[in-house]
Amino acid sequence: MATMHDTWEKAREDGRKAGRTQEAARAVLTVLRARGLRVSKAARERILAQKDPERLERWLKKAAIVGSAAEVFQEPN
């Protein structure tokens, strides 16, 4: 049975994870904008909605080298 402390700790960790993913999504957008690449509303929403930290890390790396924001989402075959 979960205690109140366990519940609080879980909520706190969930909040931290959400904060990290939000920050990672913002970083992707920042890199794209800093490179002068246009980010469509749909792309911005997709980036901000992403909750997988590993995918956001891949997108951040790609944002540094792609020619357009749309290329960030292209996965290798």
PDB file of N, CA and C in Angstrom:
ATOM      1  N   MET A   1       0.841  -1.189   0.000  1.00  0.00           N
ATOM      2  CA  MET A   1       0.000   0.000   0.000  1.00  0.00           C
ATOM      3  C   MET A   1       0.882   1.246   0.000  1.00  0.00           C
ATOM      4  N   ALA A   2       0.599   2.138  -0.904  1.00  0.00           N
ATOM      5  CA  ALA A   2       1.374   3.371  -1.020  1.00  0.00           C
ATOM      6  C   ALA A   2       1.037   4.319   0.118  1.00  0.00           C
ATOM      7  N   THR A   3       2.071   4.911   0.659  1.00  0.00           N
ATOM      8  CA  THR A   3       1.866   5.897   1.717  1.00  0.00           C
ATOM      9  C   THR A   3       1.712   7.277   1.087  1.00  0.00           C
ATOM     10  N   MET A   4       1.298   8.211   1.892  1.00  0.00           N
ATOM     11  CA  MET A   4       1.162   9.589   1.428  1.00  0.00           C
ATOM     12  C   MET A   4       2.511  10.103   0.926  1.00  0.00           C
ATOM     13  N   HIS A   5       3.589   9.719   1.621  1.00  0.00           N
ATOM     14  CA  HIS A   5       4.934  10.134   1.217  1.00  0.00           C
ATOM     15  C   HIS A   5       5.289   9.564  -0.155  1.00  0.00           C
ATOM     16  N   ASP A   6       4.959   8.282  -0.389  1.00  0.00           N
ATOM     17  CA  ASP A   6       5.234   7.657  -1.679  1.00  0.00           C
ATOM     18  C   ASP A   6       4.479   8.369  -2.796  1.00  0.00           C
ATOM     19  N   THR A   7       3.235   8.701  -2.537  1.00  0.00           N
ATOM     20  CA  THR A   7       2.412   9.391  -3.517  1.00  0.00           C
ATOM     21  C   THR A   7       2.997  10.761  -3.833  1.00  0.00           C
ATOM     22  N   TRP A   8       3.423  11.460  -2.795  1.00  0.00           N
ATOM     23  CA  TRP A   8       4.021  12.780  -2.971  1.00  0.00           C
ATOM     24  C   TRP A   8       5.315  12.679  -3.765  1.00  0.00           C
ATOM     25  N   GLU A   9       6.152  11.698  -3.452  1.00  0.00           N
ATOM     26  CA  GLU A   9       7.419  11.516  -4.165  1.00  0.00           C
ATOM     27  C   GLU A   9       7.179  11.200  -5.638  1.00  0.00           C
ATOM     28  N   LYS A  10       6.183  10.376  -5.923  1.00  0.00           N
ATOM     29  CA  LYS A  10       5.854  10.025  -7.315  1.00  0.00           C
ATOM     30  C   LYS A  10       5.393  11.276  -8.060  1.00  0.00           C
ATOM     31  N   ALA A  11       4.531  12.058  -7.439  1.00  0.00           N
ATOM     32  CA  ALA A  11       4.039  13.287  -8.075  1.00  0.00           C
ATOM     33  C   ALA A  11       5.198  14.256  -8.316  1.00  0.00           C
ATOM     34  N   ARG A  12       6.108  14.338  -7.384  1.00  0.00           N
ATOM     35  CA  ARG A  12       7.256  15.222  -7.522  1.00  0.00           C
ATOM     36  C   ARG A  12       8.156  14.775  -8.673  1.00  0.00           C
ATOM     37  N   GLU A  13       8.413  13.481  -8.765  1.00  0.00           N
ATOM     38  CA  GLU A  13       9.240  12.961  -9.853  1.00  0.00           C
ATOM     39  C   GLU A  13       8.552  13.144 -11.203  1.00  0.00           C
ATOM     40  N   ASP A  14       7.240  12.927 -11.249  1.00  0.00           N
ATOM     41  CA  ASP A  14       6.488  13.156 -12.485  1.00  0.00           C
ATOM     42  C   ASP A  14       6.592  14.615 -12.915  1.00  0.00           C
ATOM     43  N   GLY A  15       6.527  15.517 -11.962  1.00  0.00           N
ATOM     44  CA  GLY A  15       6.662  16.944 -12.255  1.00  0.00           C
ATOM     45  C   GLY A  15       8.044  17.288 -12.782  1.00  0.00           C
ATOM     46  N   ARG A  16       9.058  16.691 -12.207  1.00  0.00           N
ATOM     47  CA  ARG A  16      10.431  16.918 -12.689  1.00  0.00           C
ATOM     48  C   ARG A  16      10.591  16.422 -14.121  1.00  0.00           C
ATOM     49  N   LYS A  17      10.072  15.226 -14.388  1.00  0.00           N
ATOM     50  CA  LYS A  17      10.179  14.651 -15.731  1.00  0.00           C
ATOM     51  C   LYS A  17       9.459  15.547 -16.746  1.00  0.00           C
ATOM     52  N   ALA A  18       8.278  16.015 -16.387  1.00  0.00           N
ATOM     53  CA  ALA A  18       7.523  16.897 -17.282  1.00  0.00           C
ATOM     54  C   ALA A  18       8.308  18.185 -17.540  1.00  0.00           C
ATOM     55  N   GLY A  19       8.921  18.715 -16.508  1.00  0.00           N
ATOM     56  CA  GLY A  19       9.717  19.931 -16.665  1.00  0.00           C
ATOM     57  C   GLY A  19      10.913  19.715 -17.572  1.00  0.00           C
ATOM     58  N   ARG A  20      11.566  18.560 -17.443  1.00  0.00           N
ATOM     59  CA  ARG A  20      12.713  18.261 -18.303  1.00  0.00           C
ATOM     60  C   ARG A  20      12.294  18.109 -19.762  1.00  0.00           C
ATOM     61  N   THR A  21      11.167  17.458 -19.997  1.00  0.00           N
ATOM     62  CA  THR A  21      10.730  17.297 -21.391  1.00  0.00           C
ATOM     63  C   THR A  21      10.303  18.643 -21.982  1.00  0.00           C
ATOM     64  N   GLN A  22       9.661  19.485 -21.192  1.00  0.00           N
ATOM     65  CA  GLN A  22       9.286  20.818 -21.686  1.00  0.00           C
ATOM     66  C   GLN A  22      10.535  21.619 -22.044  1.00  0.00           C
ATOM     67  N   GLU A  23      11.546  21.542 -21.207  1.00  0.00           N
ATOM     68  CA  GLU A  23      12.787  22.273 -21.463  1.00  0.00           C
ATOM     69  C   GLU A  23      13.486  21.732 -22.708  1.00  0.00           C
ATOM     70  N   ALA A  24      13.481  20.423 -22.888  1.00  0.00           N
ATOM     71  CA  ALA A  24      14.088  19.829 -24.078  1.00  0.00           C
ATOM     72  C   ALA A  24      13.342  20.268 -25.341  1.00  0.00           C
ATOM     73  N   ALA A  25      12.027  20.313 -25.281  1.00  0.00           N
ATOM     74  CA  ALA A  25      11.238  20.759 -26.427  1.00  0.00           C
ATOM     75  C   ALA A  25      11.552  22.217 -26.753  1.00  0.00           C
ATOM     76  N   ARG A  26      11.660  23.042 -25.740  1.00  0.00           N
ATOM     77  CA  ARG A  26      12.001  24.452 -25.960  1.00  0.00           C
ATOM     78  C   ARG A  26      13.388  24.588 -26.580  1.00  0.00           C
ATOM     79  N   ALA A  27      14.308  23.711 -26.167  1.00  0.00           N
ATOM     80  CA  ALA A  27      15.663  23.742 -26.720  1.00  0.00           C
ATOM     81  C   ALA A  27      15.643  23.438 -28.217  1.00  0.00           C
ATOM     82  N   VAL A  28      14.839  22.466 -28.636  1.00  0.00           N
ATOM     83  CA  VAL A  28      14.716  22.153 -30.061  1.00  0.00           C
ATOM     84  C   VAL A  28      14.236  23.392 -30.814  1.00  0.00           C
ATOM     85  N   LEU A  29      13.199  24.020 -30.300  1.00  0.00           N
ATOM     86  CA  LEU A  29      12.660  25.220 -30.953  1.00  0.00           C
ATOM     87  C   LEU A  29      13.683  26.356 -30.980  1.00  0.00           C
ATOM     88  N   THR A  30      14.408  26.518 -29.908  1.00  0.00           N
ATOM     89  CA  THR A  30      15.416  27.579 -29.829  1.00  0.00           C
ATOM     90  C   THR A  30      16.502  27.376 -30.874  1.00  0.00           C
ATOM     91  N   VAL A  31      16.988  26.150 -31.016  1.00  0.00           N
ATOM     92  CA  VAL A  31      18.036  25.876 -32.006  1.00  0.00           C
ATOM     93  C   VAL A  31      17.516  26.152 -33.411  1.00  0.00           C
ATOM     94  N   LEU A  32      16.318  25.699 -33.699  1.00  0.00           N
ATOM     95  CA  LEU A  32      15.753  25.943 -35.035  1.00  0.00           C
ATOM     96  C   LEU A  32      15.639  27.437 -35.316  1.00  0.00           C
ATOM     97  N   ARG A  33      15.129  28.189 -34.356  1.00  0.00           N
ATOM     98  CA  ARG A  33      14.973  29.641 -34.544  1.00  0.00           C
ATOM     99  C   ARG A  33      16.330  30.326 -34.660  1.00  0.00           C
ATOM    100  N   ALA A  34      17.287  29.907 -33.833  1.00  0.00           N
ATOM    101  CA  ALA A  34      18.620  30.523 -33.862  1.00  0.00           C
ATOM    102  C   ALA A  34      19.304  30.296 -35.207  1.00  0.00           C
ATOM    103  N   ARG A  35      18.970  29.208 -35.847  1.00  0.00           N
ATOM    104  CA  ARG A  35      19.530  28.908 -37.163  1.00  0.00           C
ATOM    105  C   ARG A  35      18.746  29.590 -38.282  1.00  0.00           C
ATOM    106  N   GLY A  36      17.690  30.320 -37.919  1.00  0.00           N
ATOM    107  CA  GLY A  36      16.903  31.043 -38.905  1.00  0.00           C
ATOM    108  C   GLY A  36      15.925  30.182 -39.675  1.00  0.00           C
ATOM    109  N   LEU A  37      15.600  29.009 -39.132  1.00  0.00           N
ATOM    110  CA  LEU A  37      14.667  28.113 -39.803  1.00  0.00           C
ATOM    111  C   LEU A  37      13.248  28.409 -39.352  1.00  0.00           C
ATOM    112  N   ARG A  38      12.340  28.466 -40.312  1.00  0.00           N
ATOM    113  CA  ARG A  38      10.933  28.715 -40.024  1.00  0.00           C
ATOM    114  C   ARG A  38      10.330  27.474 -39.366  1.00  0.00           C
ATOM    115  N   VAL A  39       9.615  27.696 -38.279  1.00  0.00           N
ATOM    116  CA  VAL A  39       8.939  26.607 -37.569  1.00  0.00           C
ATOM    117  C   VAL A  39       7.434  26.846 -37.695  1.00  0.00           C
ATOM    118  N   SER A  40       6.760  25.953 -38.391  1.00  0.00           N
ATOM    119  CA  SER A  40       5.317  26.097 -38.570  1.00  0.00           C
ATOM    120  C   SER A  40       4.596  25.877 -37.242  1.00  0.00           C
ATOM    121  N   LYS A  41       3.370  26.321 -37.197  1.00  0.00           N
ATOM    122  CA  LYS A  41       2.561  26.121 -35.986  1.00  0.00           C
ATOM    123  C   LYS A  41       2.418  24.626 -35.693  1.00  0.00           C
ATOM    124  N   ALA A  42       2.188  23.829 -36.731  1.00  0.00           N
ATOM    125  CA  ALA A  42       2.030  22.380 -36.546  1.00  0.00           C
ATOM    126  C   ALA A  42       3.314  21.755 -36.001  1.00  0.00           C
ATOM    127  N   ALA A  43       4.467  22.172 -36.535  1.00  0.00           N
ATOM    128  CA  ALA A  43       5.745  21.636 -36.053  1.00  0.00           C
ATOM    129  C   ALA A  43       5.988  22.049 -34.604  1.00  0.00           C
ATOM    130  N   ARG A  44       5.702  23.311 -34.309  1.00  0.00           N
ATOM    131  CA  ARG A  44       5.878  23.797 -32.931  1.00  0.00           C
ATOM    132  C   ARG A  44       5.012  22.999 -31.965  1.00  0.00           C
ATOM    133  N   GLU A  45       3.763  22.786 -32.334  1.00  0.00           N
ATOM    134  CA  GLU A  45       2.854  22.028 -31.469  1.00  0.00           C
ATOM    135  C   GLU A  45       3.325  20.586 -31.301  1.00  0.00           C
ATOM    136  N   ARG A  46       3.810  19.993 -32.387  1.00  0.00           N
ATOM    137  CA  ARG A  46       4.296  18.614 -32.308  1.00  0.00           C
ATOM    138  C   ARG A  46       5.502  18.513 -31.377  1.00  0.00           C
ATOM    139  N   ILE A  47       6.414  19.453 -31.500  1.00  0.00           N
ATOM    140  CA  ILE A  47       7.605  19.451 -30.641  1.00  0.00           C
ATOM    141  C   ILE A  47       7.205  19.630 -29.182  1.00  0.00           C
ATOM    142  N   LEU A  48       6.351  20.597 -28.910  1.00  0.00           N
ATOM    143  CA  LEU A  48       5.949  20.866 -27.525  1.00  0.00           C
ATOM    144  C   LEU A  48       5.109  19.741 -26.924  1.00  0.00           C
ATOM    145  N   ALA A  49       4.441  18.951 -27.758  1.00  0.00           N
ATOM    146  CA  ALA A  49       3.609  17.847 -27.262  1.00  0.00           C
ATOM    147  C   ALA A  49       4.413  16.575 -27.001  1.00  0.00           C
ATOM    148  N   GLN A  50       5.625  16.515 -27.530  1.00  0.00           N
ATOM    149  CA  GLN A  50       6.431  15.294 -27.387  1.00  0.00           C
ATOM    150  C   GLN A  50       6.855  15.090 -25.933  1.00  0.00           C
ATOM    151  N   LYS A  51       6.656  13.893 -25.424  1.00  0.00           N
ATOM    152  CA  LYS A  51       6.979  13.583 -24.022  1.00  0.00           C
ATOM    153  C   LYS A  51       8.120  12.586 -23.876  1.00  0.00           C
ATOM    154  N   ASP A  52       8.615  12.057 -24.988  1.00  0.00           N
ATOM    155  CA  ASP A  52       9.697  11.068 -24.950  1.00  0.00           C
ATOM    156  C   ASP A  52      11.047  11.793 -24.947  1.00  0.00           C
ATOM    157  N   PRO A  53      11.777  11.744 -23.830  1.00  0.00           N
ATOM    158  CA  PRO A  53      13.040  12.478 -23.756  1.00  0.00           C
ATOM    159  C   PRO A  53      14.081  11.999 -24.763  1.00  0.00           C
ATOM    160  N   GLU A  54      14.080  10.725 -25.093  1.00  0.00           N
ATOM    161  CA  GLU A  54      15.047  10.219 -26.076  1.00  0.00           C
ATOM    162  C   GLU A  54      14.754  10.771 -27.467  1.00  0.00           C
ATOM    163  N   ARG A  55      13.495  10.832 -27.825  1.00  0.00           N
ATOM    164  CA  ARG A  55      13.123  11.401 -29.126  1.00  0.00           C
ATOM    165  C   ARG A  55      13.474  12.886 -29.165  1.00  0.00           C
ATOM    166  N   LEU A  56      13.199  13.606 -28.077  1.00  0.00           N
ATOM    167  CA  LEU A  56      13.536  15.032 -28.034  1.00  0.00           C
ATOM    168  C   LEU A  56      15.043  15.235 -28.178  1.00  0.00           C
ATOM    169  N   GLU A  57      15.830  14.359 -27.595  1.00  0.00           N
ATOM    170  CA  GLU A  57      17.295  14.448 -27.738  1.00  0.00           C
ATOM    171  C   GLU A  57      17.703  14.245 -29.193  1.00  0.00           C
ATOM    172  N   ARG A  58      17.100  13.274 -29.869  1.00  0.00           N
ATOM    173  CA  ARG A  58      17.387  13.052 -31.291  1.00  0.00           C
ATOM    174  C   ARG A  58      16.997  14.287 -32.100  1.00  0.00           C
ATOM    175  N   TRP A  59      15.808  14.832 -31.810  1.00  0.00           N
ATOM    176  CA  TRP A  59      15.348  16.017 -32.530  1.00  0.00           C
ATOM    177  C   TRP A  59      16.280  17.207 -32.284  1.00  0.00           C
ATOM    178  N   LEU A  60      16.783  17.350 -31.080  1.00  0.00           N
ATOM    179  CA  LEU A  60      17.685  18.459 -30.776  1.00  0.00           C
ATOM    180  C   LEU A  60      18.966  18.336 -31.593  1.00  0.00           C
ATOM    181  N   LYS A  61      19.518  17.139 -31.661  1.00  0.00           N
ATOM    182  CA  LYS A  61      20.735  16.923 -32.454  1.00  0.00           C
ATOM    183  C   LYS A  61      20.466  17.230 -33.923  1.00  0.00           C
ATOM    184  N   LYS A  62      19.319  16.800 -34.419  1.00  0.00           N
ATOM    185  CA  LYS A  62      18.976  17.047 -35.819  1.00  0.00           C
ATOM    186  C   LYS A  62      18.719  18.526 -36.072  1.00  0.00           C
ATOM    187  N   ALA A  63      18.140  19.216 -35.104  1.00  0.00           N
ATOM    188  CA  ALA A  63      17.841  20.644 -35.271  1.00  0.00           C
ATOM    189  C   ALA A  63      19.112  21.443 -35.555  1.00  0.00           C
ATOM    190  N   ALA A  64      20.244  20.948 -35.079  1.00  0.00           N
ATOM    191  CA  ALA A  64      21.503  21.653 -35.281  1.00  0.00           C
ATOM    192  C   ALA A  64      22.048  21.514 -36.700  1.00  0.00           C
ATOM    193  N   ILE A  65      21.533  20.543 -37.478  1.00  0.00           N
ATOM    194  CA  ILE A  65      22.144  20.287 -38.786  1.00  0.00           C
ATOM    195  C   ILE A  65      21.173  20.263 -39.969  1.00  0.00           C
ATOM    196  N   VAL A  66      19.872  20.196 -39.706  1.00  0.00           N
ATOM    197  CA  VAL A  66      18.908  20.070 -40.802  1.00  0.00           C
ATOM    198  C   VAL A  66      18.758  21.374 -41.585  1.00  0.00           C
ATOM    199  N   GLY A  67      18.180  21.242 -42.783  1.00  0.00           N
ATOM    200  CA  GLY A  67      17.939  22.415 -43.622  1.00  0.00           C
ATOM    201  C   GLY A  67      16.566  23.023 -43.440  1.00  0.00           C
ATOM    202  N   SER A  68      15.663  22.277 -42.768  1.00  0.00           N
ATOM    203  CA  SER A  68      14.322  22.793 -42.493  1.00  0.00           C
ATOM    204  C   SER A  68      13.788  22.138 -41.229  1.00  0.00           C
ATOM    205  N   ALA A  69      12.844  22.792 -40.590  1.00  0.00           N
ATOM    206  CA  ALA A  69      12.256  22.252 -39.364  1.00  0.00           C
ATOM    207  C   ALA A  69      11.573  20.910 -39.622  1.00  0.00           C
ATOM    208  N   ALA A  70      10.982  20.747 -40.792  1.00  0.00           N
ATOM    209  CA  ALA A  70      10.289  19.485 -41.121  1.00  0.00           C
ATOM    210  C   ALA A  70      11.234  18.296 -41.097  1.00  0.00           C
ATOM    211  N   GLU A  71      12.515  18.513 -41.421  1.00  0.00           N
ATOM    212  CA  GLU A  71      13.484  17.424 -41.440  1.00  0.00           C
ATOM    213  C   GLU A  71      13.777  16.862 -40.051  1.00  0.00           C
ATOM    214  N   VAL A  72      13.480  17.615 -39.028  1.00  0.00           N
ATOM    215  CA  VAL A  72      13.700  17.139 -37.655  1.00  0.00           C
ATOM    216  C   VAL A  72      12.923  15.856 -37.402  1.00  0.00           C
ATOM    217  N   PHE A  73      11.741  15.752 -37.994  1.00  0.00           N
ATOM    218  CA  PHE A  73      10.849  14.631 -37.720  1.00  0.00           C
ATOM    219  C   PHE A  73      11.154  13.386 -38.556  1.00  0.00           C
ATOM    220  N   GLN A  74      12.000  13.527 -39.557  1.00  0.00           N
ATOM    221  CA  GLN A  74      12.301  12.381 -40.417  1.00  0.00           C
ATOM    222  C   GLN A  74      13.149  11.375 -39.663  1.00  0.00           C
ATOM    223  N   GLU A  75      12.634  10.170 -39.550  1.00  0.00           N
ATOM    224  CA  GLU A  75      13.352   9.085 -38.881  1.00  0.00           C
ATOM    225  C   GLU A  75      14.089   8.270 -39.934  1.00  0.00           C
ATOM    226  N   PRO A  76      15.222   7.697 -39.567  1.00  0.00           N
ATOM    227  CA  PRO A  76      15.922   6.860 -40.534  1.00  0.00           C
ATOM    228  C   PRO A  76      15.098   5.621 -40.891  1.00  0.00           C
ATOM    229  N   ASN A  77      15.265   5.149 -42.105  1.00  0.00           N
ATOM    230  CA  ASN A  77      14.542   3.957 -42.554  1.00  0.00           C
ATOM    231  C   ASN A  77      15.165   2.700 -42.016  1.00  0.00           C
TER     232      ASN A  77
END
